[in-house]
Amino acid sequence: MAQTQTLSKNQKIILDIIEKAKEPLKAYSILFNVQKKGIKAPLQVYRALAKLIKLGKIHKVESRNAFVACQNSNCEISKATAFSICETCEKVTEISDQKLSKYLKNFHDKTGMIYKKYNLEFYGLCTTCKRS
């Protein structure tokens, strides 16, 4: 389960921006949005993002190099994420599937490699775009 810890002022500000966003945000977009709140340096943003990921509050969408708030209140993993990404509107949704999580938790390849981290991204069409 995500660690319970008091967030710093910068972490709270950045988490709030990400939670209110309608789409994944890149670090420099976050920086632009928080400059008026006293966060001026990219390093401040990157440190806060790293900590929020570690705490399981946000996830990084690797293909977009962007960040989204964790949408799964039962999210237990900060190093294992899966997203569905619409190829048309680019909507990103966190996938919460117990079967997938259980399978991947015990997954190893034929060389015996046991994975400590994964980020899966599934591409297709969301229901809205399928109807269009």
C-alpha atoms as a PDB file:
ATOM      1  CA  MET A   1       0.000   0.000   0.000  1.00  0.00           C
ATOM      2  CA  ALA A   2       1.193   3.562  -0.638  1.00  0.00           C
ATOM      3  CA  GLN A   3       3.148   4.965   2.245  1.00  0.00           C
ATOM      4  CA  THR A   4       1.390   7.385   4.565  1.00  0.00           C
ATOM      5  CA  GLN A   5       3.530  10.461   4.851  1.00  0.00           C
ATOM      6  CA  THR A   6       3.027  14.166   5.175  1.00  0.00           C
ATOM      7  CA  LEU A   7       3.707  15.899   1.902  1.00  0.00           C
ATOM      8  CA  SER A   8       5.963  18.936   1.692  1.00  0.00           C
ATOM      9  CA  LYS A   9       4.526  22.263   0.508  1.00  0.00           C
ATOM     10  CA  ASN A  10       5.992  21.755  -2.980  1.00  0.00           C
ATOM     11  CA  GLN A  11       4.684  18.192  -3.192  1.00  0.00           C
ATOM     12  CA  LYS A  12       1.173  19.324  -2.198  1.00  0.00           C
ATOM     13  CA  ILE A  13       1.190  22.128  -4.789  1.00  0.00           C
ATOM     14  CA  ILE A  14       2.401  19.831  -7.568  1.00  0.00           C
ATOM     15  CA  LEU A  15       0.028  16.997  -6.631  1.00  0.00           C
ATOM     16  CA  ASP A  16      -2.878  19.456  -6.681  1.00  0.00           C
ATOM     17  CA  ILE A  17      -1.939  20.655 -10.193  1.00  0.00           C
ATOM     18  CA  ILE A  18      -1.655  17.064 -11.476  1.00  0.00           C
ATOM     19  CA  GLU A  19      -4.920  15.959  -9.844  1.00  0.00           C
ATOM     20  CA  LYS A  20      -6.821  18.862 -11.459  1.00  0.00           C
ATOM     21  CA  ALA A  21      -5.319  18.302 -14.908  1.00  0.00           C
ATOM     22  CA  LYS A  22      -7.504  16.835 -17.639  1.00  0.00           C
ATOM     23  CA  GLU A  23      -4.490  15.186 -19.311  1.00  0.00           C
ATOM     24  CA  PRO A  24      -0.986  14.003 -18.384  1.00  0.00           C
ATOM     25  CA  LEU A  25       1.331  16.917 -17.622  1.00  0.00           C
ATOM     26  CA  LYS A  26       4.986  17.247 -18.576  1.00  0.00           C
ATOM     27  CA  ALA A  27       7.450  18.517 -15.966  1.00  0.00           C
ATOM     28  CA  TYR A  28       7.993  21.890 -17.629  1.00  0.00           C
ATOM     29  CA  SER A  29       4.254  22.430 -17.957  1.00  0.00           C
ATOM     30  CA  ILE A  30       4.001  21.739 -14.233  1.00  0.00           C
ATOM     31  CA  LEU A  31       6.847  24.184 -13.580  1.00  0.00           C
ATOM     32  CA  PHE A  32       5.066  26.871 -15.615  1.00  0.00           C
ATOM     33  CA  ASN A  33       1.888  26.324 -13.573  1.00  0.00           C
ATOM     34  CA  VAL A  34       3.604  26.469 -10.173  1.00  0.00           C
ATOM     35  CA  GLN A  35       5.988  29.389 -10.678  1.00  0.00           C
ATOM     36  CA  LYS A  36       3.486  31.864  -9.250  1.00  0.00           C
ATOM     37  CA  LYS A  37       3.307  29.665  -6.134  1.00  0.00           C
ATOM     38  CA  GLY A  38       7.023  30.012  -5.427  1.00  0.00           C
ATOM     39  CA  ILE A  39       8.428  26.940  -7.151  1.00  0.00           C
ATOM     40  CA  LYS A  40      10.962  28.371  -9.593  1.00  0.00           C
ATOM     41  CA  ALA A  41      13.563  25.684 -10.317  1.00  0.00           C
ATOM     42  CA  PRO A  42      13.105  22.549 -12.441  1.00  0.00           C
ATOM     43  CA  LEU A  43      14.979  20.572  -9.781  1.00  0.00           C
ATOM     44  CA  GLN A  44      12.277  21.428  -7.230  1.00  0.00           C
ATOM     45  CA  VAL A  45       9.641  20.017  -9.571  1.00  0.00           C
ATOM     46  CA  TYR A  46      11.634  16.871 -10.382  1.00  0.00           C
ATOM     47  CA  ARG A  47      12.311  16.156  -6.688  1.00  0.00           C
ATOM     48  CA  ALA A  48       8.626  16.532  -5.841  1.00  0.00           C
ATOM     49  CA  LEU A  49       7.614  14.339  -8.795  1.00  0.00           C
ATOM     50  CA  ALA A  50      10.080  11.611  -7.760  1.00  0.00           C
ATOM     51  CA  LYS A  51       8.737  11.589  -4.214  1.00  0.00           C
ATOM     52  CA  LEU A  52       5.104  11.570  -5.342  1.00  0.00           C
ATOM     53  CA  ILE A  53       5.839   8.593  -7.613  1.00  0.00           C
ATOM     54  CA  LYS A  54       7.576   6.779  -4.763  1.00  0.00           C
ATOM     55  CA  LEU A  55       4.544   7.393  -2.539  1.00  0.00           C
ATOM     56  CA  GLY A  56       2.190   6.087  -5.243  1.00  0.00           C
ATOM     57  CA  LYS A  57       0.335   9.408  -5.531  1.00  0.00           C
ATOM     58  CA  ILE A  58       1.194   9.874  -9.219  1.00  0.00           C
ATOM     59  CA  HIS A  59       2.434   7.765 -12.111  1.00  0.00           C
ATOM     60  CA  LYS A  60       4.659   8.544 -15.059  1.00  0.00           C
ATOM     61  CA  VAL A  61       3.333   7.768 -18.521  1.00  0.00           C
ATOM     62  CA  GLU A  62       6.673   6.889 -20.095  1.00  0.00           C
ATOM     63  CA  SER A  63       5.705   7.277 -23.760  1.00  0.00           C
ATOM     64  CA  ARG A  64       4.433  10.791 -23.066  1.00  0.00           C
ATOM     65  CA  ASN A  65       7.152  11.688 -20.532  1.00  0.00           C
ATOM     66  CA  ALA A  66       4.252  13.075 -18.518  1.00  0.00           C
ATOM     67  CA  PHE A  67       2.598  12.556 -15.151  1.00  0.00           C
ATOM     68  CA  VAL A  68      -0.923  11.626 -14.024  1.00  0.00           C
ATOM     69  CA  ALA A  69      -2.531  11.342 -10.622  1.00  0.00           C
ATOM     70  CA  CYS A  70      -3.131   7.819  -9.384  1.00  0.00           C
ATOM     71  CA  GLN A  71      -6.814   7.061  -9.967  1.00  0.00           C
ATOM     72  CA  ASN A  72      -6.885   3.820  -8.021  1.00  0.00           C
ATOM     73  CA  SER A  73      -7.470   4.302  -4.298  1.00  0.00           C
ATOM     74  CA  ASN A  74      -6.296   0.709  -3.750  1.00  0.00           C
ATOM     75  CA  CYS A  75      -3.114   1.223  -5.763  1.00  0.00           C
ATOM     76  CA  GLU A  76      -0.451  -0.797  -4.048  1.00  0.00           C
ATOM     77  CA  ILE A  77       2.406  -0.326  -6.415  1.00  0.00           C
ATOM     78  CA  SER A  78       4.487   2.668  -7.346  1.00  0.00           C
ATOM     79  CA  LYS A  79       6.776   0.640  -9.625  1.00  0.00           C
ATOM     80  CA  ALA A  80       4.095  -1.141 -11.601  1.00  0.00           C
ATOM     81  CA  THR A  81       1.632   0.736 -13.747  1.00  0.00           C
ATOM     82  CA  ALA A  82      -0.578   0.047 -16.716  1.00  0.00           C
ATOM     83  CA  PHE A  83      -2.422   2.575 -18.869  1.00  0.00           C
ATOM     84  CA  SER A  84      -4.827   2.544 -21.768  1.00  0.00           C
ATOM     85  CA  ILE A  85      -4.139   5.345 -24.245  1.00  0.00           C
ATOM     86  CA  CYS A  86      -6.582   6.349 -26.959  1.00  0.00           C
ATOM     87  CA  GLU A  87      -4.813   6.687 -30.308  1.00  0.00           C
ATOM     88  CA  THR A  88      -7.263   9.379 -31.439  1.00  0.00           C
ATOM     89  CA  CYS A  89      -7.973  11.713 -28.497  1.00  0.00           C
ATOM     90  CA  GLU A  90      -4.905  10.610 -26.485  1.00  0.00           C
ATOM     91  CA  LYS A  91      -6.940  10.137 -23.296  1.00  0.00           C
ATOM     92  CA  VAL A  92      -4.876   8.240 -20.719  1.00  0.00           C
ATOM     93  CA  THR A  93      -6.596   5.982 -18.186  1.00  0.00           C
ATOM     94  CA  GLU A  94      -4.938   4.006 -15.413  1.00  0.00           C
ATOM     95  CA  ILE A  95      -5.786   0.316 -15.641  1.00  0.00           C
ATOM     96  CA  SER A  96      -6.726  -1.360 -12.395  1.00  0.00           C
ATOM     97  CA  ASP A  97      -7.134  -5.070 -12.991  1.00  0.00           C
ATOM     98  CA  GLN A  98      -6.533  -7.633 -10.250  1.00  0.00           C
ATOM     99  CA  LYS A  99      -5.882 -10.505 -12.699  1.00  0.00           C
ATOM    100  CA  LEU A 100      -3.296  -8.457 -14.601  1.00  0.00           C
ATOM    101  CA  SER A 101      -1.613  -7.294 -11.382  1.00  0.00           C
ATOM    102  CA  LYS A 102      -1.467 -10.845  -9.994  1.00  0.00           C
ATOM    103  CA  TYR A 103      -0.094 -12.218 -13.262  1.00  0.00           C
ATOM    104  CA  LEU A 104       2.590  -9.536 -13.583  1.00  0.00           C
ATOM    105  CA  LYS A 105       3.587  -9.722  -9.921  1.00  0.00           C
ATOM    106  CA  ASN A 106       4.725 -13.307 -10.497  1.00  0.00           C
ATOM    107  CA  PHE A 107       5.857 -12.889 -14.098  1.00  0.00           C
ATOM    108  CA  HIS A 108       9.371 -13.845 -15.128  1.00  0.00           C
ATOM    109  CA  ASP A 109      10.781 -14.475 -18.562  1.00  0.00           C
ATOM    110  CA  LYS A 110      12.440 -17.649 -19.837  1.00  0.00           C
ATOM    111  CA  THR A 111      15.850 -16.463 -18.616  1.00  0.00           C
ATOM    112  CA  GLY A 112      14.475 -16.383 -15.076  1.00  0.00           C
ATOM    113  CA  MET A 113      14.493 -12.594 -14.856  1.00  0.00           C
ATOM    114  CA  ILE A 114      12.127 -11.408 -12.146  1.00  0.00           C
ATOM    115  CA  TYR A 115      10.922  -7.879 -12.776  1.00  0.00           C
ATOM    116  CA  LYS A 116      10.930  -5.219 -10.094  1.00  0.00           C
ATOM    117  CA  LYS A 117       9.366  -2.478 -12.205  1.00  0.00           C
ATOM    118  CA  TYR A 118       7.099  -2.233 -15.204  1.00  0.00           C
ATOM    119  CA  ASN A 119       5.097   0.348 -17.085  1.00  0.00           C
ATOM    120  CA  LEU A 120       2.617  -1.013 -19.599  1.00  0.00           C
ATOM    121  CA  GLU A 121       0.831   1.127 -22.142  1.00  0.00           C
ATOM    122  CA  PHE A 122      -2.008  -0.310 -24.205  1.00  0.00           C
ATOM    123  CA  TYR A 123      -3.139   1.619 -27.298  1.00  0.00           C
ATOM    124  CA  GLY A 124      -6.551   1.549 -28.921  1.00  0.00           C
ATOM    125  CA  LEU A 125      -9.727   3.594 -29.212  1.00  0.00           C
ATOM    126  CA  CYS A 126     -11.775   4.822 -26.261  1.00  0.00           C
ATOM    127  CA  THR A 127     -15.560   4.356 -26.367  1.00  0.00           C
ATOM    128  CA  THR A 128     -16.110   7.985 -27.417  1.00  0.00           C
ATOM    129  CA  CYS A 129     -13.699   7.749 -30.350  1.00  0.00           C
ATOM    130  CA  LYS A 130     -15.052   4.330 -31.410  1.00  0.00           C
ATOM    131  CA  ARG A 131     -18.480   5.909 -31.883  1.00  0.00           C
ATOM    132  CA  SER A 132     -17.115   8.748 -34.038  1.00  0.00           C
END
